[in-house]
Structures are given as C-alpha cells and as structure tokens.
C-alpha atoms as a PDB file:
ATOM      1  CA  MET A   1      98.446 164.883  69.707  1.00  0.00           C
ATOM      2  CA  ILE A   2      98.806 161.457  71.376  1.00  0.00           C
ATOM      3  CA  ASP A   3     101.271 161.918  74.145  1.00  0.00           C
ATOM      4  CA  LEU A   4     102.874 158.821  75.594  1.00  0.00           C
ATOM      5  CA  ARG A   5     105.968 160.507  77.123  1.00  0.00           C
ATOM      6  CA  SER A   6     104.530 160.542  80.714  1.00  0.00           C
ATOM      7  CA  ASP A   7     101.282 160.719  82.754  1.00  0.00           C
ATOM      8  CA  THR A   8     102.464 164.117  83.890  1.00  0.00           C
ATOM      9  CA  VAL A   9     101.005 165.479  80.718  1.00  0.00           C
ATOM     10  CA  THR A  10      97.395 165.025  81.737  1.00  0.00           C
ATOM     11  CA  ARG A  11      95.033 168.034  81.628  1.00  0.00           C
ATOM     12  CA  PRO A  12      92.289 168.789  84.013  1.00  0.00           C
ATOM     13  CA  SER A  13      88.822 167.623  82.870  1.00  0.00           C
ATOM     14  CA  ALA A  14      85.905 169.945  82.531  1.00  0.00           C
ATOM     15  CA  PRO A  15      84.196 168.817  85.906  1.00  0.00           C
ATOM     16  CA  MET A  16      87.744 169.258  87.541  1.00  0.00           C
ATOM     17  CA  LEU A  17      87.943 172.797  86.202  1.00  0.00           C
ATOM     18  CA  ALA A  18      84.400 173.557  87.284  1.00  0.00           C
ATOM     19  CA  GLN A  19      85.236 172.474  90.819  1.00  0.00           C
ATOM     20  CA  MET A  20      88.469 174.597  90.760  1.00  0.00           C
ATOM     21  CA  MET A  21      86.626 177.659  89.685  1.00  0.00           C
ATOM     22  CA  ALA A  22      83.948 177.203  92.418  1.00  0.00           C
ATOM     23  CA  ALA A  23      86.372 176.527  95.179  1.00  0.00           C
ATOM     24  CA  PRO A  24      86.352 178.683  98.358  1.00  0.00           C
ATOM     25  CA  THR A  25      89.738 180.096  99.137  1.00  0.00           C
ATOM     26  CA  GLY A  26      91.754 181.751 101.966  1.00  0.00           C
ATOM     27  CA  ASP A  27      95.263 182.415 102.845  1.00  0.00           C
ATOM     28  CA  ASP A  28      96.922 178.943 103.187  1.00  0.00           C
ATOM     29  CA  VAL A  29     100.086 180.493 104.944  1.00  0.00           C
ATOM     30  CA  TYR A  30      97.732 181.384 107.775  1.00  0.00           C
ATOM     31  CA  GLY A  31      96.132 178.009 107.679  1.00  0.00           C
ATOM     32  CA  ASP A  32      92.712 179.325 106.624  1.00  0.00           C
ATOM     33  CA  ASP A  33      92.207 178.244 103.017  1.00  0.00           C
ATOM     34  CA  PRO A  34      89.139 175.815 103.328  1.00  0.00           C
ATOM     35  CA  SER A  35      89.785 174.011 100.150  1.00  0.00           C
ATOM     36  CA  VAL A  36      93.387 173.178 101.047  1.00  0.00           C
ATOM     37  CA  ASN A  37      92.281 172.108 104.486  1.00  0.00           C
ATOM     38  CA  ALA A  38      89.523 169.819 103.135  1.00  0.00           C
ATOM     39  CA  LEU A  39      92.179 168.308 100.776  1.00  0.00           C
ATOM     40  CA  GLN A  40      94.586 167.672 103.518  1.00  0.00           C
ATOM     41  CA  GLU A  41      91.941 166.327 106.009  1.00  0.00           C
ATOM     42  CA  TYR A  42      90.501 164.043 103.188  1.00  0.00           C
ATOM     43  CA  ALA A  43      93.756 162.620 102.167  1.00  0.00           C
ATOM     44  CA  ALA A  44      94.741 162.007 105.900  1.00  0.00           C
ATOM     45  CA  ARG A  45      91.476 160.087 106.492  1.00  0.00           C
ATOM     46  CA  LEU A  46      91.916 158.075 103.337  1.00  0.00           C
ATOM     47  CA  SER A  47      95.464 156.954 104.194  1.00  0.00           C
ATOM     48  CA  GLY A  48      95.023 156.439 107.958  1.00  0.00           C
ATOM     49  CA  LYS A  49      97.770 159.028 108.713  1.00  0.00           C
ATOM     50  CA  GLU A  50      97.356 161.796 111.203  1.00  0.00           C
ATOM     51  CA  ALA A  51      98.026 164.765 108.969  1.00  0.00           C
ATOM     52  CA  ALA A  52      98.850 165.806 105.422  1.00  0.00           C
ATOM     53  CA  LEU A  53     100.486 168.843 103.853  1.00  0.00           C
ATOM     54  CA  PHE A  54      99.723 170.257 100.361  1.00  0.00           C
ATOM     55  CA  LEU A  55     102.798 171.229  98.399  1.00  0.00           C
ATOM     56  CA  PRO A  56     103.275 172.717  94.764  1.00  0.00           C
ATOM     57  CA  SER A  57     105.382 169.696  93.413  1.00  0.00           C
ATOM     58  CA  GLY A  58     106.367 166.118  93.872  1.00  0.00           C
ATOM     59  CA  THR A  59     110.160 167.228  93.906  1.00  0.00           C
ATOM     60  CA  GLN A  60     109.400 169.809  96.809  1.00  0.00           C
ATOM     61  CA  ALA A  61     107.347 167.173  98.575  1.00  0.00           C
ATOM     62  CA  ASN A  62     110.228 164.748  98.531  1.00  0.00           C
ATOM     63  CA  LEU A  63     112.779 167.342  99.502  1.00  0.00           C
ATOM     64  CA  VAL A  64     110.642 168.494 102.406  1.00  0.00           C
ATOM     65  CA  ALA A  65     110.133 164.912 103.430  1.00  0.00           C
ATOM     66  CA  LEU A  66     113.914 164.317 103.691  1.00  0.00           C
ATOM     67  CA  LEU A  67     114.551 167.636 105.456  1.00  0.00           C
ATOM     68  CA  SER A  68     111.827 166.789 108.007  1.00  0.00           C
ATOM     69  CA  HIS A  69     113.471 163.368 108.707  1.00  0.00           C
ATOM     70  CA  CYS A  70     117.119 164.056 108.604  1.00  0.00           C
ATOM     71  CA  GLN A  71     119.522 166.619 110.085  1.00  0.00           C
ATOM     72  CA  ARG A  72     122.600 168.041 108.281  1.00  0.00           C
ATOM     73  CA  GLY A  73     125.351 165.328 108.169  1.00  0.00           C
ATOM     74  CA  GLU A  74     122.984 162.641 108.383  1.00  0.00           C
ATOM     75  CA  GLU A  75     121.873 160.150 105.581  1.00  0.00           C
ATOM     76  CA  TYR A  76     119.203 158.416 103.815  1.00  0.00           C
ATOM     77  CA  ILE A  77     119.375 155.049 102.080  1.00  0.00           C
ATOM     78  CA  ALA A  78     117.682 155.031  98.593  1.00  0.00           C
ATOM     79  CA  GLY A  79     117.658 153.106  95.205  1.00  0.00           C
ATOM     80  CA  GLN A  80     120.254 154.061  92.497  1.00  0.00           C
ATOM     81  CA  GLY A  81     117.282 155.008  90.355  1.00  0.00           C
ATOM     82  CA  ALA A  82     115.131 156.702  93.036  1.00  0.00           C
ATOM     83  CA  HIS A  83     113.720 159.982  92.117  1.00  0.00           C
ATOM     84  CA  ASN A  84     114.798 161.632  95.336  1.00  0.00           C
ATOM     85  CA  TYR A  85     118.458 160.556  94.618  1.00  0.00           C
ATOM     86  CA  LEU A  86     118.885 160.692  90.841  1.00  0.00           C
ATOM     87  CA  TYR A  87     116.184 162.890  89.258  1.00  0.00           C
ATOM     88  CA  GLU A  88     115.731 165.938  91.694  1.00  0.00           C
ATOM     89  CA  ALA A  89     118.967 167.799  91.198  1.00  0.00           C
ATOM     90  CA  GLY A  90     120.476 166.640  94.278  1.00  0.00           C
ATOM     91  CA  GLY A  91     118.379 168.880  96.406  1.00  0.00           C
ATOM     92  CA  ALA A  92     118.715 167.002  99.844  1.00  0.00           C
ATOM     93  CA  ALA A  93     122.508 167.154  99.638  1.00  0.00           C
ATOM     94  CA  ALA A  94     122.609 170.679  98.165  1.00  0.00           C
ATOM     95  CA  LEU A  95     120.127 172.270 100.173  1.00  0.00           C
ATOM     96  CA  GLY A  96     119.840 170.158 103.351  1.00  0.00           C
ATOM     97  CA  GLY A  97     123.327 168.729 103.759  1.00  0.00           C
ATOM     98  CA  ILE A  98     121.747 165.215 103.774  1.00  0.00           C
ATOM     99  CA  GLN A  99     123.983 162.522 102.338  1.00  0.00           C
ATOM    100  CA  PRO A 100     122.387 159.962  99.966  1.00  0.00           C
ATOM    101  CA  GLN A 101     123.528 156.341 100.196  1.00  0.00           C
ATOM    102  CA  PRO A 102     122.236 154.674  97.018  1.00  0.00           C
ATOM    103  CA  ILE A 103     122.072 150.947  96.465  1.00  0.00           C
ATOM    104  CA  ASP A 104     120.913 148.879  93.469  1.00  0.00           C
ATOM    105  CA  ALA A 105     117.246 147.914  93.470  1.00  0.00           C
ATOM    106  CA  ALA A 106     116.151 144.354  92.817  1.00  0.00           C
ATOM    107  CA  PRO A 107     114.364 143.506  89.529  1.00  0.00           C
ATOM    108  CA  ASP A 108     111.033 143.789  91.260  1.00  0.00           C
ATOM    109  CA  GLY A 109     111.793 147.340  92.448  1.00  0.00           C
ATOM    110  CA  THR A 110     112.500 146.540  96.061  1.00  0.00           C
ATOM    111  CA  LEU A 111     115.731 147.328  97.995  1.00  0.00           C
ATOM    112  CA  PRO A 112     117.044 144.076  99.394  1.00  0.00           C
ATOM    113  CA  LEU A 113     117.020 144.536 103.038  1.00  0.00           C
ATOM    114  CA  GLU A 114     120.308 142.564 103.564  1.00  0.00           C
ATOM    115  CA  MET A 115     121.961 145.183 101.220  1.00  0.00           C
ATOM    116  CA  VAL A 116     120.266 147.998 103.242  1.00  0.00           C
ATOM    117  CA  ALA A 117     121.597 146.563 106.365  1.00  0.00           C
ATOM    118  CA  ALA A 118     125.176 146.482 105.096  1.00  0.00           C
ATOM    119  CA  LYS A 119     125.006 150.150 104.427  1.00  0.00           C
ATOM    120  CA  ILE A 120     123.784 151.241 107.697  1.00  0.00           C
ATOM    121  CA  LYS A 121     126.662 153.102 109.388  1.00  0.00           C
ATOM    122  CA  PRO A 122     127.849 152.187 112.785  1.00  0.00           C
ATOM    123  CA  ASP A 123     127.772 154.889 115.531  1.00  0.00           C
ATOM    124  CA  ASP A 124     131.202 156.192 114.816  1.00  0.00           C
ATOM    125  CA  VAL A 125     132.378 159.867 114.343  1.00  0.00           C
ATOM    126  CA  HIS A 126     133.742 158.985 110.944  1.00  0.00           C
ATOM    127  CA  PHE A 127     130.388 158.347 109.418  1.00  0.00           C
ATOM    128  CA  ALA A 128     127.142 160.163 108.724  1.00  0.00           C
ATOM    129  CA  ARG A 129     124.353 158.875 110.931  1.00  0.00           C
ATOM    130  CA  THR A 130     121.890 156.724 108.861  1.00  0.00           C
ATOM    131  CA  ARG A 131     118.425 157.948 109.734  1.00  0.00           C
ATOM    132  CA  LEU A 132     116.084 157.014 107.049  1.00  0.00           C
ATOM    133  CA  LEU A 133     115.121 154.178 104.332  1.00  0.00           C
ATOM    134  CA  SER A 134     113.426 155.651 101.411  1.00  0.00           C
ATOM    135  CA  LEU A 135     111.401 153.462  98.965  1.00  0.00           C
ATOM    136  CA  GLU A 136     109.392 154.087  95.768  1.00  0.00           C
ATOM    137  CA  ASN A 137     105.965 152.573  95.140  1.00  0.00           C
ATOM    138  CA  THR A 138     105.528 152.309  92.163  1.00  0.00           C
ATOM    139  CA  HIS A 139     109.088 151.998  90.985  1.00  0.00           C
ATOM    140  CA  ASN A 140     109.325 152.233  87.167  1.00  0.00           C
ATOM    141  CA  GLY A 141     105.829 150.885  87.140  1.00  0.00           C
ATOM    142  CA  LYS A 142     106.508 148.070  89.407  1.00  0.00           C
ATOM    143  CA  VAL A 143     104.399 147.632  92.538  1.00  0.00           C
ATOM    144  CA  LEU A 144     106.246 146.919  95.690  1.00  0.00           C
ATOM    145  CA  PRO A 145     104.684 143.758  97.250  1.00  0.00           C
ATOM    146  CA  PRO A 146     102.672 144.337 100.298  1.00  0.00           C
ATOM    147  CA  ASP A 147     104.601 141.573 102.214  1.00  0.00           C
ATOM    148  CA  TYR A 148     107.927 143.355 101.412  1.00  0.00           C
ATOM    149  CA  LEU A 149     106.364 146.710 102.782  1.00  0.00           C
ATOM    150  CA  ARG A 150     105.558 144.879 105.940  1.00  0.00           C
ATOM    151  CA  GLU A 151     109.047 143.407 106.234  1.00  0.00           C
ATOM    152  CA  ALA A 152     110.719 146.811 105.522  1.00  0.00           C
ATOM    153  CA  TRP A 153     108.568 148.431 108.314  1.00  0.00           C
ATOM    154  CA  ALA A 154     109.751 145.694 110.718  1.00  0.00           C
ATOM    155  CA  PHE A 155     113.260 146.149 109.588  1.00  0.00           C
ATOM    156  CA  THR A 156     113.436 149.886 110.075  1.00  0.00           C
ATOM    157  CA  ARG A 157     111.918 149.459 113.591  1.00  0.00           C
ATOM    158  CA  GLN A 158     114.728 147.016 114.384  1.00  0.00           C
ATOM    159  CA  HIS A 159     117.376 149.401 113.133  1.00  0.00           C
ATOM    160  CA  ASN A 160     116.008 152.610 114.512  1.00  0.00           C
ATOM    161  CA  LEU A 161     115.320 154.130 111.150  1.00  0.00           C
ATOM    162  CA  ALA A 162     112.442 156.046 109.779  1.00  0.00           C
ATOM    163  CA  LEU A 163     110.667 154.702 106.605  1.00  0.00           C
ATOM    164  CA  HIS A 164     109.628 157.037 103.749  1.00  0.00           C
ATOM    165  CA  ILE A 165     107.774 156.037 100.687  1.00  0.00           C
ATOM    166  CA  ASP A 166     107.992 158.289  97.478  1.00  0.00           C
ATOM    167  CA  GLY A 167     104.360 157.500  96.503  1.00  0.00           C
ATOM    168  CA  ALA A 168     104.166 159.613  93.439  1.00  0.00           C
ATOM    169  CA  ARG A 169     102.043 156.764  91.844  1.00  0.00           C
ATOM    170  CA  ILE A 170     101.011 154.972  95.056  1.00  0.00           C
ATOM    171  CA  PHE A 171      97.352 154.766  93.770  1.00  0.00           C
ATOM    172  CA  ASN A 172      98.555 152.905  90.797  1.00  0.00           C
ATOM    173  CA  ALA A 173     100.003 150.395  93.268  1.00  0.00           C
ATOM    174  CA  ALA A 174      96.851 150.349  95.345  1.00  0.00           C
ATOM    175  CA  VAL A 175      94.601 149.752  92.284  1.00  0.00           C
ATOM    176  CA  ALA A 176      96.927 147.075  90.882  1.00  0.00           C
ATOM    177  CA  CYS A 177      96.868 145.180  94.292  1.00  0.00           C
ATOM    178  CA  GLY A 178      93.160 145.708  94.733  1.00  0.00           C
ATOM    179  CA  LEU A 179      93.902 147.223  98.142  1.00  0.00           C
ATOM    180  CA  PRO A 180      92.911 150.417  99.750  1.00  0.00           C
ATOM    181  CA  LEU A 181      95.544 153.120 100.208  1.00  0.00           C
ATOM    182  CA  GLU A 182      95.695 152.544 103.957  1.00  0.00           C
ATOM    183  CA  ALA A 183      96.742 149.014 103.435  1.00  0.00           C
ATOM    184  CA  LEU A 184      99.832 150.051 101.651  1.00  0.00           C
ATOM    185  CA  VAL A 185     100.886 153.162 103.620  1.00  0.00           C
ATOM    186  CA  ARG A 186     100.349 151.741 107.194  1.00  0.00           C
ATOM    187  CA  TYR A 187     103.925 150.465 106.889  1.00  0.00           C
ATOM    188  CA  CYS A 188     105.796 153.833 106.712  1.00  0.00           C
ATOM    189  CA  ASP A 189     106.305 156.930 108.779  1.00  0.00           C
ATOM    190  CA  SER A 190     105.706 159.155 105.933  1.00  0.00           C
ATOM    191  CA  PHE A 191     104.801 159.147 102.185  1.00  0.00           C
ATOM    192  CA  THR A 192     104.036 161.409  99.297  1.00  0.00           C
ATOM    193  CA  ILE A 193     101.219 161.333  96.751  1.00  0.00           C
ATOM    194  CA  CYS A 194     101.528 163.214  93.295  1.00  0.00           C
ATOM    195  CA  LEU A 195      98.257 164.550  92.158  1.00  0.00           C
ATOM    196  CA  SER A 196      99.484 165.720  88.745  1.00  0.00           C
ATOM    197  CA  LYS A 197     100.346 162.314  87.210  1.00  0.00           C
ATOM    198  CA  GLY A 198      97.748 159.641  86.634  1.00  0.00           C
ATOM    199  CA  LEU A 199      95.239 161.417  88.935  1.00  0.00           C
ATOM    200  CA  GLY A 200      95.028 164.182  86.428  1.00  0.00           C
ATOM    201  CA  ALA A 201      95.284 167.376  88.497  1.00  0.00           C
ATOM    202  CA  PRO A 202      97.226 170.240  86.968  1.00  0.00           C
ATOM    203  CA  VAL A 203      99.625 170.717  89.856  1.00  0.00           C
ATOM    204  CA  GLY A 204     100.382 169.596  93.473  1.00  0.00           C
ATOM    205  CA  SER A 205     101.459 166.813  95.802  1.00  0.00           C
ATOM    206  CA  LEU A 206     100.783 165.745  99.307  1.00  0.00           C
ATOM    207  CA  LEU A 207     103.193 164.623 102.163  1.00  0.00           C
ATOM    208  CA  LEU A 208     101.593 162.700 104.948  1.00  0.00           C
ATOM    209  CA  GLY A 209     102.739 161.527 108.394  1.00  0.00           C
ATOM    210  CA  SER A 210     102.124 162.276 112.050  1.00  0.00           C
ATOM    211  CA  HIS A 211     101.014 165.421 113.478  1.00  0.00           C
ATOM    212  CA  ASP A 212     104.613 166.147 114.829  1.00  0.00           C
ATOM    213  CA  TYR A 213     106.187 165.313 111.500  1.00  0.00           C
ATOM    214  CA  ILE A 214     103.933 167.492 109.423  1.00  0.00           C
ATOM    215  CA  ARG A 215     104.439 170.323 111.853  1.00  0.00           C
ATOM    216  CA  ARG A 216     108.195 170.095 110.977  1.00  0.00           C
ATOM    217  CA  ALA A 217     107.335 169.768 107.327  1.00  0.00           C
ATOM    218  CA  LEU A 218     105.171 172.909 107.366  1.00  0.00           C
ATOM    219  CA  ARG A 219     108.238 174.920 108.528  1.00  0.00           C
ATOM    220  CA  TRP A 220     110.416 173.405 105.770  1.00  0.00           C
ATOM    221  CA  ARG A 221     107.712 173.992 103.271  1.00  0.00           C
ATOM    222  CA  LYS A 222     107.768 177.734 103.993  1.00  0.00           C
ATOM    223  CA  MET A 223     111.540 177.787 104.028  1.00  0.00           C
ATOM    224  CA  THR A 224     111.854 176.162 100.700  1.00  0.00           C
ATOM    225  CA  GLY A 225     109.331 178.678  99.144  1.00  0.00           C
ATOM    226  CA  GLY A 226     106.182 176.324  99.109  1.00  0.00           C
ATOM    227  CA  GLY A 227     103.853 178.426 101.245  1.00  0.00           C
ATOM    228  CA  MET A 228     101.053 179.547  98.794  1.00  0.00           C
ATOM    229  CA  ARG A 229      98.206 181.964  99.496  1.00  0.00           C
ATOM    230  CA  GLN A 230      94.866 181.300  97.730  1.00  0.00           C
ATOM    231  CA  ALA A 231      95.871 177.863  96.889  1.00  0.00           C
ATOM    232  CA  GLY A 232      92.323 176.494  97.195  1.00  0.00           C
ATOM    233  CA  ILE A 233      91.909 176.597  93.444  1.00  0.00           C
ATOM    234  CA  LEU A 234      94.721 174.099  92.959  1.00  0.00           C
ATOM    235  CA  ALA A 235      93.700 172.066  96.043  1.00  0.00           C
ATOM    236  CA  ALA A 236      90.178 171.622  94.678  1.00  0.00           C
ATOM    237  CA  ALA A 237      91.625 169.917  91.718  1.00  0.00           C
ATOM    238  CA  GLY A 238      93.470 167.572  93.912  1.00  0.00           C
ATOM    239  CA  LEU A 239      90.386 166.734  96.002  1.00  0.00           C
ATOM    240  CA  TYR A 240      88.347 166.044  92.807  1.00  0.00           C
ATOM    241  CA  ALA A 241      91.174 163.697  91.666  1.00  0.00           C
ATOM    242  CA  LEU A 242      91.075 161.805  94.979  1.00  0.00           C
ATOM    243  CA  GLN A 243      87.383 161.517  94.930  1.00  0.00           C
ATOM    244  CA  HIS A 244      86.762 160.669  91.293  1.00  0.00           C
ATOM    245  CA  GLN A 245      89.768 159.601  89.330  1.00  0.00           C
ATOM    246  CA  VAL A 246      91.372 156.767  91.532  1.00  0.00           C
ATOM    247  CA  GLU A 247      89.406 153.775  90.377  1.00  0.00           C
ATOM    248  CA  ARG A 248      89.772 154.774  86.750  1.00  0.00           C
ATOM    249  CA  LEU A 249      93.574 154.160  86.967  1.00  0.00           C
ATOM    250  CA  GLN A 250      92.605 150.470  86.247  1.00  0.00           C
ATOM    251  CA  GLN A 251      91.755 151.672  82.602  1.00  0.00           C
ATOM    252  CA  ASP A 252      95.410 152.926  82.293  1.00  0.00           C
ATOM    253  CA  HIS A 253      96.749 149.617  83.400  1.00  0.00           C
ATOM    254  CA  ASP A 254      94.504 147.755  81.063  1.00  0.00           C
ATOM    255  CA  ASN A 255      95.356 150.092  78.159  1.00  0.00           C
ATOM    256  CA  ALA A 256      99.100 149.567  78.890  1.00  0.00           C
ATOM    257  CA  ALA A 257      98.593 145.799  78.869  1.00  0.00           C
ATOM    258  CA  TRP A 258      96.660 145.899  75.669  1.00  0.00           C
ATOM    259  CA  LEU A 259      99.281 148.138  73.887  1.00  0.00           C
ATOM    260  CA  ALA A 260     102.184 145.800  75.139  1.00  0.00           C
ATOM    261  CA  GLY A 261     100.325 142.878  73.564  1.00  0.00           C
ATOM    262  CA  ALA A 262      99.510 144.681  70.329  1.00  0.00           C
ATOM    263  CA  LEU A 263     103.093 145.877  69.860  1.00  0.00           C
ATOM    264  CA  ARG A 264     104.374 142.469  70.460  1.00  0.00           C
ATOM    265  CA  ASP A 265     102.081 141.121  67.862  1.00  0.00           C
ATOM    266  CA  ILE A 266     103.638 143.428  65.314  1.00  0.00           C
ATOM    267  CA  GLY A 267     107.174 142.405  66.125  1.00  0.00           C
ATOM    268  CA  ALA A 268     108.183 145.128  68.661  1.00  0.00           C
ATOM    269  CA  ASP A 269     110.520 143.996  71.395  1.00  0.00           C
ATOM    270  CA  VAL A 270     108.428 144.878  74.534  1.00  0.00           C
ATOM    271  CA  ARG A 271     110.621 144.186  77.611  1.00  0.00           C
ATOM    272  CA  ARG A 272     107.900 144.370  80.124  1.00  0.00           C
ATOM    273  CA  GLN A 273     104.685 146.175  81.145  1.00  0.00           C
ATOM    274  CA  ASP A 274     103.717 147.093  84.711  1.00  0.00           C
ATOM    275  CA  THR A 275     100.728 149.111  85.716  1.00  0.00           C
ATOM    276  CA  ASN A 276     100.638 152.146  83.282  1.00  0.00           C
ATOM    277  CA  MET A 277     104.151 151.674  81.941  1.00  0.00           C
ATOM    278  CA  LEU A 278     105.717 149.530  79.185  1.00  0.00           C
ATOM    279  CA  PHE A 279     109.243 149.574  77.978  1.00  0.00           C
ATOM    280  CA  VAL A 280     110.114 148.647  74.458  1.00  0.00           C
ATOM    281  CA  ARG A 281     113.537 147.886  73.134  1.00  0.00           C
ATOM    282  CA  VAL A 282     114.424 149.895  69.961  1.00  0.00           C
ATOM    283  CA  ASP A 283     117.325 149.487  67.689  1.00  0.00           C
ATOM    284  CA  PRO A 284     119.669 152.183  68.893  1.00  0.00           C
ATOM    285  CA  LEU A 285     120.476 153.114  65.260  1.00  0.00           C
ATOM    286  CA  ARG A 286     116.741 153.785  64.578  1.00  0.00           C
ATOM    287  CA  ALA A 287     115.645 155.162  67.981  1.00  0.00           C
ATOM    288  CA  GLU A 288     115.929 158.805  67.014  1.00  0.00           C
ATOM    289  CA  ALA A 289     114.144 158.128  63.650  1.00  0.00           C
ATOM    290  CA  LEU A 290     111.261 156.378  65.424  1.00  0.00           C
ATOM    291  CA  GLY A 291     110.727 159.570  67.483  1.00  0.00           C
ATOM    292  CA  HIS A 292     110.737 161.838  64.397  1.00  0.00           C
ATOM    293  CA  TYR A 293     108.495 159.416  62.507  1.00  0.00           C
ATOM    294  CA  MET A 294     105.870 159.217  65.331  1.00  0.00           C
ATOM    295  CA  LYS A 295     106.017 163.016  65.827  1.00  0.00           C
ATOM    296  CA  GLN A 296     105.112 163.520  62.214  1.00  0.00           C
ATOM    297  CA  HIS A 297     101.959 161.520  62.820  1.00  0.00           C
ATOM    298  CA  ASP A 298     101.101 163.502  66.033  1.00  0.00           C
ATOM    299  CA  ILE A 299     102.421 160.907  68.398  1.00  0.00           C
ATOM    300  CA  LEU A 300     104.864 162.049  71.127  1.00  0.00           C
ATOM    301  CA  LEU A 301     107.214 159.652  72.893  1.00  0.00           C
ATOM    302  CA  ASN A 302     110.583 159.706  74.439  1.00  0.00           C
ATOM    303  CA  SER A 303     112.248 157.502  71.956  1.00  0.00           C
ATOM    304  CA  ALA A 304     115.468 155.703  73.097  1.00  0.00           C
ATOM    305  CA  PRO A 305     117.030 152.401  73.013  1.00  0.00           C
ATOM    306  CA  VAL A 306     114.668 151.408  75.709  1.00  0.00           C
ATOM    307  CA  THR A 307     111.570 153.516  75.114  1.00  0.00           C
ATOM    308  CA  ARG A 308     109.141 154.037  77.932  1.00  0.00           C
ATOM    309  CA  LEU A 309     105.452 154.452  77.037  1.00  0.00           C
ATOM    310  CA  VAL A 310     103.068 155.692  79.655  1.00  0.00           C
ATOM    311  CA  THR A 311      99.248 155.504  79.447  1.00  0.00           C
ATOM    312  CA  HIS A 312      96.983 157.963  81.113  1.00  0.00           C
ATOM    313  CA  LEU A 313      93.526 159.387  81.193  1.00  0.00           C
ATOM    314  CA  ASP A 314      94.085 161.548  78.078  1.00  0.00           C
ATOM    315  CA  VAL A 315      94.949 158.500  75.798  1.00  0.00           C
ATOM    316  CA  SER A 316      92.040 156.219  74.579  1.00  0.00           C
ATOM    317  CA  ARG A 317      92.136 152.735  73.281  1.00  0.00           C
ATOM    318  CA  PRO A 318      91.338 154.003  69.678  1.00  0.00           C
ATOM    319  CA  GLN A 319      94.372 156.311  69.949  1.00  0.00           C
ATOM    320  CA  LEU A 320      96.513 153.429  70.985  1.00  0.00           C
ATOM    321  CA  GLU A 321      95.425 151.529  67.973  1.00  0.00           C
ATOM    322  CA  THR A 322      96.626 154.487  65.858  1.00  0.00           C
ATOM    323  CA  VAL A 323      99.998 154.272  67.768  1.00  0.00           C
ATOM    324  CA  VAL A 324     100.307 150.630  66.854  1.00  0.00           C
ATOM    325  CA  HIS A 325      99.370 151.288  63.295  1.00  0.00           C
ATOM    326  CA  HIS A 326     102.150 153.717  62.743  1.00  0.00           C
ATOM    327  CA  TRP A 327     104.629 151.681  64.786  1.00  0.00           C
ATOM    328  CA  GLN A 328     104.086 148.774  62.411  1.00  0.00           C
ATOM    329  CA  ARG A 329     104.461 151.125  59.327  1.00  0.00           C
ATOM    330  CA  PHE A 330     107.741 152.358  60.694  1.00  0.00           C
ATOM    331  CA  LEU A 331     109.061 148.796  61.413  1.00  0.00           C
ATOM    332  CA  SER A 332     108.218 147.938  57.788  1.00  0.00           C
ATOM    333  CA  GLN A 333     110.409 150.661  56.506  1.00  0.00           C
ATOM    334  CA  PRO A 334     113.824 149.423  55.171  1.00  0.00           C
END
C-alpha cells in the first residue's frame, strides 16, 4: 500500500527496531531510564536549549507546553489553523482554563506581528492576560523565514510575552533552510519536536526549554498522564531518528517536488508544494471517486476538493511514479 495521507504513517526501520530492542531501561518517572535521559540530553545539546522532556505524543507536548507557560484565565495567541488551537480538541481551554486568541496566518505561514500586537490585551480586569505567542514551523509545509523568527523573538521581548514554537516538523524546516536546528530555535522560549512524523519513530515527542521551564513541564506531564515507566524502548527509537534520519528528510522534499511537477504534467491542478507536502485541487464532484479509485489500486490519500499529499521515508520515487500513472488514468475517465 502506498500511503500519502500523512508522514505519521511511517514505520520503524529494521535498524531502529534493533536499537529499540537493545535499549537499556529504567523507571522514567523516577528519572532513571538511561535511554530516555540520553534522548533528552542529546536533543538539548542539538538545539542549544538547557533541557528536554520526552512525552508520548505531540498533542500532549503542545498541551504541556501551554500549561507550563500560562495560568488559568490567561491566553495565548495562535493561528486559526494552528494545531494547538484547531486540531487538539481544545485541550488548553478544557483542561487548563487557557483562552486561545486565534488570528489569520499570512500566506507564508507567519502570524503578522501587527495583527498580534492588536490582539494583546491591556492590563484590565475585563480581559484575560496575554502571556504567549505560539507559532508553527513548518505550517502546512511552509517554512517560517529565519528573519521572521528573529523579529517575532524581539517582538515578544518588547511585549513581555513568551514565544513557543510547535515544531512538529521543525527538522523539515531546518533541512529546507540548510541550517542547523539551533539556528531556528534560538528565537523561542520553548519548542516541540515530533519524532513520529518524517523522522520515522513509532511514537513520541520532545518539549525543550530552560531548566526551570522543563521542571514545570515535568509536573504537568505527570498530571496529564504522560509519566511512563520503562520508556527507554521508545526513547531509543527517537534517539536513532535524531542521529540517523534528519538529513534524509531532503529526499522527502525532493520527492514532493518531483510529484508536484509530474502531476502538473498530466493536467492535475497542483496549488503548491512546500517541503514534504503538496496540495492538489480536485473537482469537488469527483473528489470522493478519486479516493475510492486510488484505494482500489493500493494508494491511500485523504481525497478532498483540496487534497494534501505527504511524502515520507516509506514512499519511494518508483511508488510515486505509480501514483502519477493511476492519477492520469483517473483523469482520463469520463
């Protein structure tokens, strides 16, 4: 099956599985799992942050990040399409009493700072206190420009806000920019890394920040049910991913660019391609039929009037050629 629904569908490779099975373990709630500690220390060194915390999922990492920045009755500013606002079940509001203030993102995925400034609440008893600006990098595949990150950092210092980056695909951004991770995340107080998307680990995310911040986050991780025991088996996969599967993300970007060009060549309406994602406009009357047709030919995609295709380590160029072949056959049908 050729699966282009998301890069979350990746499976651990044989070398990754071998490292998982050989991982030394301990009780991570006590802080003595050596593999978890090794992952956290490696990620902190790689990013230039003081500390890191391993969590079961990206959703929990984002939730713990917000809970560690904001008190009940305070707010964070995020994009209308941000995962920690739109796609994570309202957890910050429901569980933390934290108010989201969404704004529209610009076409390049940034949140215009003049719009952010207009939404910062005055110090008045009528309003929630604005405490945090939350960005995504990448956002729908788009890489936030390093100059913008620098400007956002200076902006938050001026307005006494913290700056968090949902970096689920931050390594895609780093590879696309040709920059080390540290160059992108020096301009934030905290950020997350998802290990189970393009990096190919089976599960897990990291939250990174200062020692004090991660100490707060550790308590919230426990409270929200994220304290694991012999988690080193999972952490070993994350460490393998960081050490061996970052640079290969460029292959996913190249494959996505190739697929975008090949689909255009057969008449598909490719709207855009950024990093490992491309978006194709499909006739709304035929979108459901496209999904069924592709599935009959062992190709999975989330077919919609705008269909997102995501390349990843489990999809090869020959498989993408198969996708283009069947897409062309579908388009040729009356």
